[in-house]
N, C-alpha and C. Protein backbone atom coordinates (compact mmCIF):
# COMPACT_ATOMS: atom_id res chain seq x y z
N MET A 1 0.83 -1.18 0.00
CA MET A 1 0.00 0.00 0.00
C MET A 1 0.88 1.24 0.00
N GLU A 2 0.54 2.22 -0.80
CA GLU A 2 1.28 3.47 -0.92
C GLU A 2 0.79 4.47 0.13
N TYR A 3 1.70 5.00 0.94
CA TYR A 3 1.34 5.94 1.99
C TYR A 3 1.77 7.37 1.68
N ARG A 4 2.14 7.63 0.46
CA ARG A 4 2.61 8.96 0.09
C ARG A 4 1.48 9.77 -0.54
N TRP A 5 1.59 11.09 -0.43
CA TRP A 5 0.62 11.98 -1.08
C TRP A 5 0.82 11.97 -2.59
N HIS A 6 2.08 11.83 -3.01
CA HIS A 6 2.41 11.81 -4.43
C HIS A 6 3.13 10.51 -4.75
N MET A 7 2.68 9.82 -5.77
CA MET A 7 3.31 8.56 -6.17
C MET A 7 4.71 8.85 -6.71
N ARG A 8 5.63 7.99 -6.35
CA ARG A 8 6.98 8.11 -6.91
C ARG A 8 7.01 7.48 -8.28
N LYS A 9 7.70 8.15 -9.19
CA LYS A 9 7.85 7.67 -10.56
C LYS A 9 9.25 7.09 -10.72
N PRO A 10 9.37 5.92 -11.33
CA PRO A 10 10.70 5.38 -11.60
C PRO A 10 11.46 6.36 -12.49
N MET A 11 12.65 6.74 -12.08
CA MET A 11 13.44 7.69 -12.86
C MET A 11 14.90 7.57 -12.46
N ARG A 12 15.73 7.21 -13.38
CA ARG A 12 17.18 7.13 -13.14
C ARG A 12 17.74 8.55 -13.25
N LEU A 13 18.32 9.04 -12.17
CA LEU A 13 18.74 10.44 -12.11
C LEU A 13 20.00 10.56 -11.26
N ASP A 14 21.02 11.24 -11.77
CA ASP A 14 22.23 11.47 -10.99
C ASP A 14 21.95 12.47 -9.88
N VAL A 15 22.41 12.17 -8.66
CA VAL A 15 22.16 13.01 -7.49
C VAL A 15 23.45 13.12 -6.68
N VAL A 16 23.73 14.32 -6.18
CA VAL A 16 24.83 14.52 -5.24
C VAL A 16 24.21 14.68 -3.86
N LEU A 17 24.70 13.92 -2.90
CA LEU A 17 24.17 13.91 -1.54
C LEU A 17 25.13 14.67 -0.62
N TYR A 18 24.56 15.59 0.18
CA TYR A 18 25.33 16.41 1.12
C TYR A 18 24.85 16.15 2.54
N TYR A 19 25.77 16.28 3.48
CA TYR A 19 25.44 16.21 4.90
C TYR A 19 26.14 17.37 5.60
N ARG A 20 25.36 18.22 6.24
CA ARG A 20 25.87 19.42 6.91
C ARG A 20 26.74 20.25 5.99
N GLY A 21 26.29 20.40 4.75
CA GLY A 21 26.98 21.23 3.78
C GLY A 21 28.18 20.60 3.11
N THR A 22 28.54 19.39 3.51
CA THR A 22 29.69 18.70 2.93
C THR A 22 29.22 17.65 1.94
N ARG A 23 29.82 17.67 0.76
CA ARG A 23 29.48 16.67 -0.25
C ARG A 23 29.94 15.30 0.22
N LEU A 24 28.99 14.35 0.29
CA LEU A 24 29.32 13.01 0.74
C LEU A 24 29.57 12.06 -0.41
N LEU A 25 28.62 11.99 -1.34
CA LEU A 25 28.78 11.06 -2.44
C LEU A 25 27.85 11.40 -3.59
N GLN A 26 28.22 10.89 -4.73
CA GLN A 26 27.36 10.96 -5.91
C GLN A 26 26.67 9.62 -6.01
N CYS A 27 25.37 9.65 -6.20
CA CYS A 27 24.60 8.41 -6.25
C CYS A 27 23.52 8.55 -7.32
N ALA A 28 22.63 7.60 -7.38
CA ALA A 28 21.57 7.63 -8.39
C ALA A 28 20.22 7.49 -7.72
N ALA A 29 19.28 8.29 -8.18
CA ALA A 29 17.90 8.15 -7.72
C ALA A 29 17.27 6.98 -8.45
N LYS A 30 16.51 6.20 -7.73
CA LYS A 30 15.76 5.08 -8.31
C LYS A 30 14.37 5.56 -8.72
N ASP A 31 13.79 6.42 -7.88
CA ASP A 31 12.48 7.00 -8.18
C ASP A 31 12.38 8.36 -7.49
N ILE A 32 11.39 9.15 -7.91
CA ILE A 32 11.25 10.51 -7.39
C ILE A 32 9.79 10.94 -7.43
N SER A 33 9.42 11.82 -6.51
CA SER A 33 8.09 12.45 -6.51
C SER A 33 8.27 13.88 -6.02
N LEU A 34 7.17 14.60 -5.89
CA LEU A 34 7.23 15.95 -5.35
C LEU A 34 7.65 15.96 -3.89
N GLN A 35 7.50 14.83 -3.21
CA GLN A 35 7.80 14.74 -1.78
C GLN A 35 9.17 14.18 -1.45
N GLY A 36 9.77 13.42 -2.36
CA GLY A 36 11.05 12.81 -2.03
C GLY A 36 11.54 11.87 -3.10
N MET A 37 12.55 11.07 -2.74
CA MET A 37 13.13 10.14 -3.70
C MET A 37 13.81 9.00 -2.95
N PHE A 38 14.06 7.92 -3.68
CA PHE A 38 14.86 6.82 -3.16
C PHE A 38 16.21 6.89 -3.84
N LEU A 39 17.28 6.84 -3.05
CA LEU A 39 18.63 6.94 -3.57
C LEU A 39 19.38 5.63 -3.40
N ASN A 40 20.02 5.18 -4.45
CA ASN A 40 20.92 4.03 -4.37
C ASN A 40 22.25 4.56 -3.86
N THR A 41 22.57 4.30 -2.60
CA THR A 41 23.77 4.85 -1.97
C THR A 41 24.90 3.86 -1.82
N GLY A 42 24.72 2.65 -2.30
CA GLY A 42 25.77 1.65 -2.14
C GLY A 42 25.92 1.26 -0.68
N PRO A 43 27.15 1.08 -0.20
CA PRO A 43 27.36 0.63 1.18
C PRO A 43 27.19 1.72 2.24
N ALA A 44 27.02 2.97 1.83
CA ALA A 44 26.89 4.06 2.82
C ALA A 44 25.61 3.86 3.64
N PHE A 45 25.71 4.10 4.94
CA PHE A 45 24.57 3.93 5.84
C PHE A 45 24.15 5.29 6.38
N PHE A 46 22.86 5.54 6.43
CA PHE A 46 22.31 6.78 6.97
C PHE A 46 21.18 6.42 7.93
N ALA A 47 21.24 6.93 9.13
CA ALA A 47 20.20 6.67 10.12
C ALA A 47 18.93 7.45 9.79
N LYS A 48 17.82 6.95 10.27
CA LYS A 48 16.53 7.62 10.10
C LYS A 48 16.58 9.00 10.77
N ASN A 49 15.91 9.96 10.15
CA ASN A 49 15.78 11.34 10.63
C ASN A 49 17.04 12.18 10.47
N VAL A 50 18.05 11.68 9.78
CA VAL A 50 19.26 12.47 9.53
C VAL A 50 18.94 13.51 8.45
N PRO A 51 19.24 14.80 8.71
CA PRO A 51 19.01 15.81 7.68
C PRO A 51 20.11 15.74 6.62
N VAL A 52 19.72 15.80 5.37
CA VAL A 52 20.65 15.78 4.25
C VAL A 52 20.20 16.83 3.24
N GLU A 53 21.01 17.02 2.21
CA GLU A 53 20.64 17.85 1.08
C GLU A 53 20.96 17.07 -0.18
N VAL A 54 20.20 17.32 -1.22
CA VAL A 54 20.45 16.66 -2.50
C VAL A 54 20.50 17.72 -3.60
N ALA A 55 21.34 17.46 -4.59
CA ALA A 55 21.43 18.33 -5.75
C ALA A 55 21.27 17.46 -6.99
N PHE A 56 20.44 17.93 -7.92
CA PHE A 56 20.21 17.19 -9.16
C PHE A 56 19.69 18.17 -10.21
N SER A 57 19.63 17.73 -11.45
CA SER A 57 19.17 18.57 -12.55
C SER A 57 18.12 17.84 -13.35
N LEU A 58 17.15 18.60 -13.84
CA LEU A 58 16.10 18.08 -14.71
C LEU A 58 15.85 19.09 -15.82
N PRO A 59 15.45 18.63 -17.01
CA PRO A 59 15.15 19.57 -18.09
C PRO A 59 13.84 20.30 -17.82
N ASP A 60 13.80 21.59 -18.19
CA ASP A 60 12.55 22.34 -18.06
C ASP A 60 11.77 22.23 -19.37
N ALA A 61 10.67 22.95 -19.48
CA ALA A 61 9.80 22.86 -20.66
C ALA A 61 10.52 23.26 -21.94
N ASP A 62 11.55 24.11 -21.83
CA ASP A 62 12.29 24.56 -23.01
C ASP A 62 13.48 23.66 -23.33
N GLY A 63 13.67 22.61 -22.53
CA GLY A 63 14.78 21.70 -22.76
C GLY A 63 16.06 22.12 -22.08
N ASN A 64 16.03 23.24 -21.36
CA ASN A 64 17.21 23.70 -20.61
C ASN A 64 17.26 22.96 -19.28
N MET A 65 18.47 22.69 -18.80
CA MET A 65 18.61 21.99 -17.53
C MET A 65 18.38 22.95 -16.37
N ARG A 66 17.52 22.56 -15.47
CA ARG A 66 17.25 23.34 -14.25
C ARG A 66 17.88 22.58 -13.09
N HIS A 67 18.63 23.30 -12.26
CA HIS A 67 19.35 22.69 -11.16
C HIS A 67 18.57 22.88 -9.86
N TYR A 68 18.47 21.81 -9.09
CA TYR A 68 17.76 21.80 -7.81
C TYR A 68 18.74 21.47 -6.70
N HIS A 69 18.64 22.17 -5.59
CA HIS A 69 19.40 21.86 -4.37
C HIS A 69 18.38 21.91 -3.25
N MET A 70 18.01 20.74 -2.74
CA MET A 70 16.89 20.65 -1.81
C MET A 70 17.28 20.03 -0.48
N ARG A 71 16.73 20.59 0.59
CA ARG A 71 16.91 20.01 1.92
C ARG A 71 15.96 18.82 2.05
N ALA A 72 16.42 17.80 2.77
CA ALA A 72 15.60 16.58 2.93
C ALA A 72 15.96 15.93 4.25
N VAL A 73 15.21 14.88 4.58
CA VAL A 73 15.49 14.09 5.78
C VAL A 73 15.35 12.61 5.40
N VAL A 74 16.22 11.77 5.97
CA VAL A 74 16.16 10.33 5.71
C VAL A 74 14.95 9.77 6.45
N VAL A 75 14.06 9.09 5.71
CA VAL A 75 12.86 8.51 6.33
C VAL A 75 12.95 7.00 6.47
N HIS A 76 13.79 6.36 5.67
CA HIS A 76 14.04 4.93 5.84
C HIS A 76 15.29 4.54 5.09
N GLY A 77 15.87 3.43 5.51
CA GLY A 77 17.06 2.92 4.85
C GLY A 77 16.97 1.42 4.70
N GLU A 78 17.64 0.92 3.72
CA GLU A 78 17.73 -0.53 3.50
C GLU A 78 19.08 -0.79 2.87
N ALA A 79 19.41 -2.04 2.69
CA ALA A 79 20.70 -2.39 2.10
C ALA A 79 20.84 -1.71 0.74
N GLY A 80 21.81 -0.85 0.62
CA GLY A 80 22.10 -0.23 -0.67
C GLY A 80 21.38 1.07 -0.95
N GLY A 81 20.52 1.56 -0.05
CA GLY A 81 19.83 2.80 -0.38
C GLY A 81 19.04 3.41 0.76
N ILE A 82 18.57 4.64 0.51
CA ILE A 82 17.76 5.37 1.49
C ILE A 82 16.59 6.05 0.80
N GLY A 83 15.51 6.19 1.55
CA GLY A 83 14.38 6.99 1.11
C GLY A 83 14.45 8.33 1.82
N ILE A 84 14.34 9.42 1.08
CA ILE A 84 14.39 10.74 1.69
C ILE A 84 13.10 11.50 1.38
N MET A 85 12.75 12.39 2.30
CA MET A 85 11.59 13.25 2.12
C MET A 85 12.09 14.69 2.05
N PHE A 86 11.66 15.41 1.00
CA PHE A 86 12.06 16.81 0.86
C PHE A 86 11.44 17.64 1.97
N ARG A 87 12.21 18.59 2.50
CA ARG A 87 11.71 19.47 3.55
C ARG A 87 11.11 20.74 2.97
N ASP A 88 11.41 21.02 1.72
CA ASP A 88 10.90 22.21 1.05
C ASP A 88 10.06 21.78 -0.14
N TYR A 89 9.16 22.63 -0.54
CA TYR A 89 8.31 22.33 -1.70
C TYR A 89 8.67 23.30 -2.81
N ASP A 90 9.07 22.77 -3.94
CA ASP A 90 9.42 23.58 -5.11
C ASP A 90 8.39 23.30 -6.19
N THR A 91 7.56 24.28 -6.49
CA THR A 91 6.48 24.07 -7.46
C THR A 91 7.00 23.76 -8.85
N SER A 92 8.19 24.24 -9.19
CA SER A 92 8.72 23.96 -10.52
C SER A 92 9.14 22.50 -10.67
N LEU A 93 9.35 21.80 -9.55
CA LEU A 93 9.77 20.40 -9.63
C LEU A 93 8.70 19.54 -10.28
N GLY A 94 7.43 19.79 -9.97
CA GLY A 94 6.35 19.01 -10.58
C GLY A 94 6.33 19.15 -12.08
N ASP A 95 6.48 20.37 -12.58
CA ASP A 95 6.52 20.60 -14.02
C ASP A 95 7.72 19.90 -14.64
N ALA A 96 8.87 20.01 -13.99
CA ALA A 96 10.09 19.38 -14.52
C ALA A 96 9.96 17.86 -14.54
N LEU A 97 9.34 17.28 -13.51
CA LEU A 97 9.16 15.83 -13.48
C LEU A 97 8.24 15.37 -14.60
N ARG A 98 7.17 16.10 -14.82
CA ARG A 98 6.27 15.74 -15.93
C ARG A 98 6.98 15.88 -17.27
N GLN A 99 7.72 16.95 -17.44
CA GLN A 99 8.45 17.18 -18.69
C GLN A 99 9.47 16.07 -18.93
N ALA A 100 10.23 15.73 -17.89
CA ALA A 100 11.25 14.69 -18.03
C ALA A 100 10.63 13.33 -18.32
N GLU A 101 9.52 13.05 -17.68
CA GLU A 101 8.84 11.77 -17.89
C GLU A 101 8.34 11.65 -19.33
N HIS A 102 7.74 12.71 -19.83
CA HIS A 102 7.19 12.67 -21.19
C HIS A 102 8.28 12.71 -22.26
N ALA A 103 9.36 13.44 -21.97
CA ALA A 103 10.42 13.58 -22.96
C ALA A 103 11.41 12.42 -22.91
N GLY A 104 11.38 11.66 -21.81
CA GLY A 104 12.33 10.55 -21.68
C GLY A 104 13.76 11.02 -21.52
N ARG A 105 13.94 12.26 -21.03
CA ARG A 105 15.28 12.82 -20.91
C ARG A 105 15.84 12.75 -19.51
N ALA A 106 15.25 12.01 -18.64
CA ALA A 106 15.74 11.95 -17.26
C ALA A 106 16.71 10.80 -17.06
N ARG A 107 17.47 10.50 -18.08
CA ARG A 107 18.47 9.44 -17.97
C ARG A 107 19.83 10.02 -18.35
N PRO A 108 20.47 10.74 -17.42
CA PRO A 108 21.74 11.38 -17.73
C PRO A 108 22.87 10.37 -17.87
N THR A 109 24.05 10.88 -18.09
CA THR A 109 25.22 10.03 -18.27
C THR A 109 25.46 9.16 -17.05
N PRO A 110 26.16 8.04 -17.22
CA PRO A 110 26.39 7.14 -16.09
C PRO A 110 27.09 7.86 -14.93
N TRP A 111 26.74 7.45 -13.74
CA TRP A 111 27.30 8.07 -12.55
C TRP A 111 28.41 7.21 -11.99
N ARG A 112 29.22 7.81 -11.16
CA ARG A 112 30.33 7.11 -10.50
C ARG A 112 30.11 7.20 -9.00
N HIS A 113 30.02 6.06 -8.34
CA HIS A 113 29.79 6.02 -6.89
C HIS A 113 31.06 6.45 -6.17
N GLU A 114 30.92 7.41 -5.25
CA GLU A 114 32.04 7.84 -4.42
C GLU A 114 31.79 7.32 -3.01
N PRO A 115 32.53 6.31 -2.57
CA PRO A 115 32.24 5.68 -1.28
C PRO A 115 32.46 6.60 -0.09
N VAL A 116 31.73 6.34 0.95
CA VAL A 116 31.84 7.07 2.20
C VAL A 116 32.37 6.09 3.24
N GLY A 117 33.36 6.50 4.01
CA GLY A 117 33.99 5.59 4.94
C GLY A 117 33.42 5.60 6.34
N GLU A 118 32.30 6.26 6.56
CA GLU A 118 31.75 6.30 7.91
C GLU A 118 30.24 6.24 7.87
N ARG A 119 29.66 5.94 9.03
CA ARG A 119 28.21 5.91 9.16
C ARG A 119 27.74 7.31 9.54
N VAL A 120 26.67 7.75 8.95
CA VAL A 120 26.11 9.05 9.28
C VAL A 120 24.88 8.82 10.15
N THR A 121 24.97 9.28 11.38
CA THR A 121 23.88 9.03 12.32
C THR A 121 23.24 10.31 12.84
N GLY A 122 23.65 11.46 12.38
CA GLY A 122 23.00 12.70 12.79
C GLY A 122 23.87 13.45 13.69
């Protein structure tokens, strides 16, 4: 059963994950919605309720890349990934998600995992 206000759409997307303003790793989103996303983080572990930030880009209606830097919080974790919930609401994100989904342009170049050597617990 889905407990989210907005359904997550499968979308492969390069994302940079930050913790307390420090870049931790580059990873890939598995899915995304207006409320959050699931990130494939590899072996990195993040505890529930840890505040993070994510940066990613999506094409706008004109085909230009729009860059997003959003505050979020870890809501769950599992082997290889975390689910995050955005703390801010960006109305342009909904338009960009629809545009990317219809245009099929949300599949950027392959990403490179940058490992993290410690557990982030808040």
